[in-house]
Amino acid sequence: MDYIKRIRGAVGHDKIILNSSGAVVVKDGKILLQRRADNGKWGLTGGIVELNETFAEAAVREVREETGLEIKLEAFLGIFHNHDMIWANGDRAHVISAYFIASPLGGEPRLDDESLELRYFAQDELPELFAEDHRAAVKAFFEGQRLPLLNENPVKAQQTEAE
């Protein structure tokens, strides 16, 4: 994510817009949550969309990186906003998040350096979630919101960051 470092080098901690993607991973009616290493709080798996990546590609990549799970995207949940995300270092952003509903293709989640804990929760067991976009996405999921998968236009393989 060198482009975020370049942006931060120009604007410092000023508020910027960031695009994020993630998934509500469902197994046996429970959803997978991550207790984050950066703040010790619970949230959905996901992260910042990289250059030349679609929302769907980012969701699959982020879940794989943060949990070790391969997933199948089942439905699009929606676009959710975290209007004032503030990281521990003081960086601020309006995060626009695309969330999908997904099922694991097998295996059990494993921790990475971004996670303190990974656990499946039923609706009546949910811990407090750290971000407004995560809370809104989980609420939409349990209310039954389901949308068709996005028909995104992927970047052609020959294109580069400079184009």
C-alpha atoms as a PDB file:
ATOM      1  CA  MET A   1       0.000   0.000   0.000  1.00  0.00           C
ATOM      2  CA  ASP A   2       2.705   2.409  -1.000  1.00  0.00           C
ATOM      3  CA  TYR A   3       0.087   4.751  -2.471  1.00  0.00           C
ATOM      4  CA  ILE A   4      -1.406   5.370   0.992  1.00  0.00           C
ATOM      5  CA  LYS A   5       2.085   6.162   2.288  1.00  0.00           C
ATOM      6  CA  ARG A   6       2.476   8.640  -0.604  1.00  0.00           C
ATOM      7  CA  ILE A   7      -0.886  10.224   0.183  1.00  0.00           C
ATOM      8  CA  ARG A   8      -0.080  10.441   3.891  1.00  0.00           C
ATOM      9  CA  GLY A   9       3.295  11.942   3.022  1.00  0.00           C
ATOM     10  CA  ALA A  10       1.447  14.773   1.283  1.00  0.00           C
ATOM     11  CA  VAL A  11      -1.485  15.316   3.670  1.00  0.00           C
ATOM     12  CA  GLY A  12      -0.184  14.094   7.015  1.00  0.00           C
ATOM     13  CA  HIS A  13      -2.986  13.029   9.362  1.00  0.00           C
ATOM     14  CA  ASP A  14      -5.674  15.054   7.546  1.00  0.00           C
ATOM     15  CA  LYS A  15      -8.921  13.264   6.807  1.00  0.00           C
ATOM     16  CA  ILE A  16      -8.985  11.446   3.450  1.00  0.00           C
ATOM     17  CA  ILE A  17     -11.414   9.083   1.729  1.00  0.00           C
ATOM     18  CA  LEU A  18     -10.442   5.406   1.697  1.00  0.00           C
ATOM     19  CA  ASN A  19     -12.197   2.475   0.026  1.00  0.00           C
ATOM     20  CA  SER A  20     -12.417  -0.737   1.984  1.00  0.00           C
ATOM     21  CA  SER A  21     -13.837  -4.193   1.394  1.00  0.00           C
ATOM     22  CA  GLY A  22     -14.563  -7.172   3.565  1.00  0.00           C
ATOM     23  CA  ALA A  23     -16.865 -10.074   4.237  1.00  0.00           C
ATOM     24  CA  VAL A  24     -19.349 -11.377   6.738  1.00  0.00           C
ATOM     25  CA  VAL A  25     -18.094 -14.968   6.777  1.00  0.00           C
ATOM     26  CA  VAL A  26     -20.915 -17.295   7.835  1.00  0.00           C
ATOM     27  CA  LYS A  27     -20.600 -20.825   9.199  1.00  0.00           C
ATOM     28  CA  ASP A  28     -23.459 -22.716  10.860  1.00  0.00           C
ATOM     29  CA  GLY A  29     -25.451 -19.481  11.163  1.00  0.00           C
ATOM     30  CA  LYS A  30     -22.666 -17.690  13.042  1.00  0.00           C
ATOM     31  CA  ILE A  31     -20.455 -14.870  11.732  1.00  0.00           C
ATOM     32  CA  LEU A  32     -16.678 -14.649  11.971  1.00  0.00           C
ATOM     33  CA  LEU A  33     -15.268 -11.675  13.846  1.00  0.00           C
ATOM     34  CA  GLN A  34     -11.696 -10.563  14.372  1.00  0.00           C
ATOM     35  CA  ARG A  35     -10.313  -8.988  17.541  1.00  0.00           C
ATOM     36  CA  ARG A  36      -7.837  -6.565  16.036  1.00  0.00           C
ATOM     37  CA  ALA A  37      -4.225  -6.301  17.152  1.00  0.00           C
ATOM     38  CA  ASP A  38      -4.101  -2.527  16.576  1.00  0.00           C
ATOM     39  CA  ASN A  39      -6.885  -1.610  19.022  1.00  0.00           C
ATOM     40  CA  GLY A  40      -7.941  -4.844  20.783  1.00  0.00           C
ATOM     41  CA  LYS A  41     -11.513  -4.397  19.564  1.00  0.00           C
ATOM     42  CA  TRP A  42     -13.825  -6.653  17.555  1.00  0.00           C
ATOM     43  CA  GLY A  43     -14.759  -6.141  13.922  1.00  0.00           C
ATOM     44  CA  LEU A  44     -15.352  -7.806  10.596  1.00  0.00           C
ATOM     45  CA  THR A  45     -12.488  -9.038   8.450  1.00  0.00           C
ATOM     46  CA  GLY A  46     -11.524  -6.671   5.666  1.00  0.00           C
ATOM     47  CA  GLY A  47      -9.287  -3.803   4.730  1.00  0.00           C
ATOM     48  CA  ILE A  48      -8.259  -1.171   2.246  1.00  0.00           C
ATOM     49  CA  VAL A  49      -8.762  -1.847  -1.471  1.00  0.00           C
ATOM     50  CA  GLU A  50      -5.426  -1.864  -3.294  1.00  0.00           C
ATOM     51  CA  LEU A  51      -4.764  -0.161  -6.605  1.00  0.00           C
ATOM     52  CA  ASN A  52      -6.215  -2.039  -9.611  1.00  0.00           C
ATOM     53  CA  GLU A  53      -8.271  -4.324  -7.366  1.00  0.00           C
ATOM     54  CA  THR A  54     -12.057  -4.765  -7.365  1.00  0.00           C
ATOM     55  CA  PHE A  55     -14.128  -4.769  -4.173  1.00  0.00           C
ATOM     56  CA  ALA A  56     -14.721  -8.525  -4.574  1.00  0.00           C
ATOM     57  CA  GLU A  57     -11.021  -9.251  -5.096  1.00  0.00           C
ATOM     58  CA  ALA A  58     -10.139  -7.145  -2.066  1.00  0.00           C
ATOM     59  CA  ALA A  59     -12.685  -8.936   0.142  1.00  0.00           C
ATOM     60  CA  VAL A  60     -11.334 -12.378  -0.811  1.00  0.00           C
ATOM     61  CA  ARG A  61      -7.710 -11.237  -0.365  1.00  0.00           C
ATOM     62  CA  GLU A  62      -8.315  -9.533   2.977  1.00  0.00           C
ATOM     63  CA  VAL A  63     -10.150 -12.529   4.462  1.00  0.00           C
ATOM     64  CA  ARG A  64      -7.368 -14.843   3.243  1.00  0.00           C
ATOM     65  CA  GLU A  65      -4.650 -12.580   4.711  1.00  0.00           C
ATOM     66  CA  GLU A  66      -6.387 -12.078   8.053  1.00  0.00           C
ATOM     67  CA  THR A  67      -7.781 -15.591   8.611  1.00  0.00           C
ATOM     68  CA  GLY A  68      -6.086 -18.026   6.232  1.00  0.00           C
ATOM     69  CA  LEU A  69      -9.538 -18.967   4.899  1.00  0.00           C
ATOM     70  CA  GLU A  70     -10.487 -19.268   1.263  1.00  0.00           C
ATOM     71  CA  ILE A  71     -14.045 -18.040   0.838  1.00  0.00           C
ATOM     72  CA  LYS A  72     -16.858 -18.076  -1.669  1.00  0.00           C
ATOM     73  CA  LEU A  73     -18.735 -14.801  -2.059  1.00  0.00           C
ATOM     74  CA  GLU A  74     -22.445 -15.605  -1.843  1.00  0.00           C
ATOM     75  CA  ALA A  75     -24.085 -12.162  -1.999  1.00  0.00           C
ATOM     76  CA  PHE A  76     -23.357  -8.468  -1.814  1.00  0.00           C
ATOM     77  CA  LEU A  77     -24.398  -6.969   1.515  1.00  0.00           C
ATOM     78  CA  GLY A  78     -23.988  -3.278   0.664  1.00  0.00           C
ATOM     79  CA  ILE A  79     -21.934  -0.118   1.000  1.00  0.00           C
ATOM     80  CA  PHE A  80     -21.386   1.167   4.533  1.00  0.00           C
ATOM     81  CA  HIS A  81     -19.613   4.261   5.845  1.00  0.00           C
ATOM     82  CA  ASN A  82     -17.305   4.945   8.752  1.00  0.00           C
ATOM     83  CA  HIS A  83     -17.442   8.721   8.642  1.00  0.00           C
ATOM     84  CA  ASP A  84     -14.609   9.412  11.048  1.00  0.00           C
ATOM     85  CA  MET A  85     -12.116   6.559  11.410  1.00  0.00           C
ATOM     86  CA  ILE A  86      -9.120   7.528  13.507  1.00  0.00           C
ATOM     87  CA  TRP A  87      -6.109   5.225  13.775  1.00  0.00           C
ATOM     88  CA  ALA A  88      -3.793   5.120  16.803  1.00  0.00           C
ATOM     89  CA  ASN A  89      -1.161   7.138  14.911  1.00  0.00           C
ATOM     90  CA  GLY A  90      -3.654   9.986  14.336  1.00  0.00           C
ATOM     91  CA  ASP A  91      -4.455   9.260  10.685  1.00  0.00           C
ATOM     92  CA  ARG A  92      -8.097  10.081   9.888  1.00  0.00           C
ATOM     93  CA  ALA A  93     -10.344   8.924   7.082  1.00  0.00           C
ATOM     94  CA  HIS A  94     -13.897   8.596   5.850  1.00  0.00           C
ATOM     95  CA  VAL A  95     -13.882   4.866   5.051  1.00  0.00           C
ATOM     96  CA  ILE A  96     -16.339   3.654   2.421  1.00  0.00           C
ATOM     97  CA  SER A  97     -16.731  -0.108   2.823  1.00  0.00           C
ATOM     98  CA  ALA A  98     -18.202  -2.710   0.487  1.00  0.00           C
ATOM     99  CA  TYR A  99     -19.228  -5.828   2.403  1.00  0.00           C
ATOM    100  CA  PHE A 100     -20.051  -9.250   1.018  1.00  0.00           C
ATOM    101  CA  ILE A 101     -21.611 -12.338   2.558  1.00  0.00           C
ATOM    102  CA  ALA A 102     -19.312 -15.330   2.207  1.00  0.00           C
ATOM    103  CA  SER A 103     -18.943 -18.941   3.200  1.00  0.00           C
ATOM    104  CA  PRO A 104     -15.616 -20.611   4.035  1.00  0.00           C
ATOM    105  CA  LEU A 105     -14.495 -23.284   1.592  1.00  0.00           C
ATOM    106  CA  GLY A 106     -12.977 -25.329   4.402  1.00  0.00           C
ATOM    107  CA  GLY A 107     -10.473 -25.197   7.193  1.00  0.00           C
ATOM    108  CA  GLU A 108     -10.395 -23.249  10.413  1.00  0.00           C
ATOM    109  CA  PRO A 109      -9.346 -19.619  10.820  1.00  0.00           C
ATOM    110  CA  ARG A 110      -5.766 -18.932  11.875  1.00  0.00           C
ATOM    111  CA  LEU A 111      -4.309 -15.794  13.403  1.00  0.00           C
ATOM    112  CA  ASP A 112      -2.034 -13.372  11.591  1.00  0.00           C
ATOM    113  CA  ASP A 113      -0.198 -10.305  12.902  1.00  0.00           C
ATOM    114  CA  GLU A 114      -3.361  -8.161  12.530  1.00  0.00           C
ATOM    115  CA  SER A 115      -5.469 -10.428  14.747  1.00  0.00           C
ATOM    116  CA  LEU A 116      -5.509 -11.240  18.451  1.00  0.00           C
ATOM    117  CA  GLU A 117      -8.461 -13.601  18.143  1.00  0.00           C
ATOM    118  CA  LEU A 118     -10.854 -14.988  15.525  1.00  0.00           C
ATOM    119  CA  ARG A 119     -14.187 -16.427  16.577  1.00  0.00           C
ATOM    120  CA  TYR A 120     -17.633 -17.220  15.197  1.00  0.00           C
ATOM    121  CA  PHE A 121     -20.544 -15.509  16.997  1.00  0.00           C
ATOM    122  CA  ALA A 122     -24.307 -16.049  16.953  1.00  0.00           C
ATOM    123  CA  GLN A 123     -26.454 -12.926  16.823  1.00  0.00           C
ATOM    124  CA  ASP A 124     -27.208 -13.062  20.548  1.00  0.00           C
ATOM    125  CA  GLU A 125     -23.479 -13.434  21.416  1.00  0.00           C
ATOM    126  CA  LEU A 126     -22.097 -10.456  19.484  1.00  0.00           C
ATOM    127  CA  PRO A 127     -19.455  -8.330  21.208  1.00  0.00           C
ATOM    128  CA  GLU A 128     -19.356  -4.561  20.750  1.00  0.00           C
ATOM    129  CA  LEU A 129     -17.949  -3.731  17.291  1.00  0.00           C
ATOM    130  CA  PHE A 130     -15.407  -0.927  16.995  1.00  0.00           C
ATOM    131  CA  ALA A 131     -16.564   0.858  13.820  1.00  0.00           C
ATOM    132  CA  GLU A 132     -19.862   2.247  12.561  1.00  0.00           C
ATOM    133  CA  ASP A 133     -19.546   0.565   9.137  1.00  0.00           C
ATOM    134  CA  HIS A 134     -19.030  -2.827  10.827  1.00  0.00           C
ATOM    135  CA  ARG A 135     -22.058  -2.297  13.096  1.00  0.00           C
ATOM    136  CA  ALA A 136     -24.227  -1.265  10.131  1.00  0.00           C
ATOM    137  CA  ALA A 137     -23.085  -4.239   8.007  1.00  0.00           C
ATOM    138  CA  VAL A 138     -23.736  -6.772  10.772  1.00  0.00           C
ATOM    139  CA  LYS A 139     -27.155  -5.226  11.434  1.00  0.00           C
ATOM    140  CA  ALA A 140     -28.014  -5.434   7.705  1.00  0.00           C
ATOM    141  CA  PHE A 141     -26.853  -9.063   7.612  1.00  0.00           C
ATOM    142  CA  PHE A 142     -29.016 -10.151  10.539  1.00  0.00           C
ATOM    143  CA  GLU A 143     -31.976  -8.188   9.128  1.00  0.00           C
ATOM    144  CA  GLY A 144     -31.708 -10.360   6.009  1.00  0.00           C
ATOM    145  CA  GLN A 145     -30.336  -7.854   3.511  1.00  0.00           C
ATOM    146  CA  ARG A 146     -29.003  -9.655   0.431  1.00  0.00           C
ATOM    147  CA  LEU A 147     -28.099  -8.069  -2.900  1.00  0.00           C
ATOM    148  CA  PRO A 148     -26.785  -9.584  -6.140  1.00  0.00           C
ATOM    149  CA  LEU A 149     -23.015  -9.850  -6.407  1.00  0.00           C
ATOM    150  CA  LEU A 150     -21.436  -6.781  -7.983  1.00  0.00           C
ATOM    151  CA  ASN A 151     -20.702  -6.898 -11.697  1.00  0.00           C
ATOM    152  CA  GLU A 152     -17.363  -5.110 -11.436  1.00  0.00           C
ATOM    153  CA  ASN A 153     -15.056  -4.330 -14.310  1.00  0.00           C
ATOM    154  CA  PRO A 154     -11.645  -5.788 -13.370  1.00  0.00           C
ATOM    155  CA  VAL A 155      -8.470  -4.042 -14.493  1.00  0.00           C
ATOM    156  CA  LYS A 156      -6.796  -5.610 -17.501  1.00  0.00           C
ATOM    157  CA  ALA A 157      -3.715  -7.615 -16.555  1.00  0.00           C
ATOM    158  CA  GLN A 158      -1.419  -5.507 -18.733  1.00  0.00           C
ATOM    159  CA  GLN A 159      -2.328  -2.220 -17.047  1.00  0.00           C
ATOM    160  CA  THR A 160       0.079  -0.838 -14.499  1.00  0.00           C
ATOM    161  CA  GLU A 161      -0.181   1.546 -11.559  1.00  0.00           C
ATOM    162  CA  ALA A 162       1.274   4.346 -13.720  1.00  0.00           C
ATOM    163  CA  GLU A 163      -1.552   4.153 -16.276  1.00  0.00           C
END
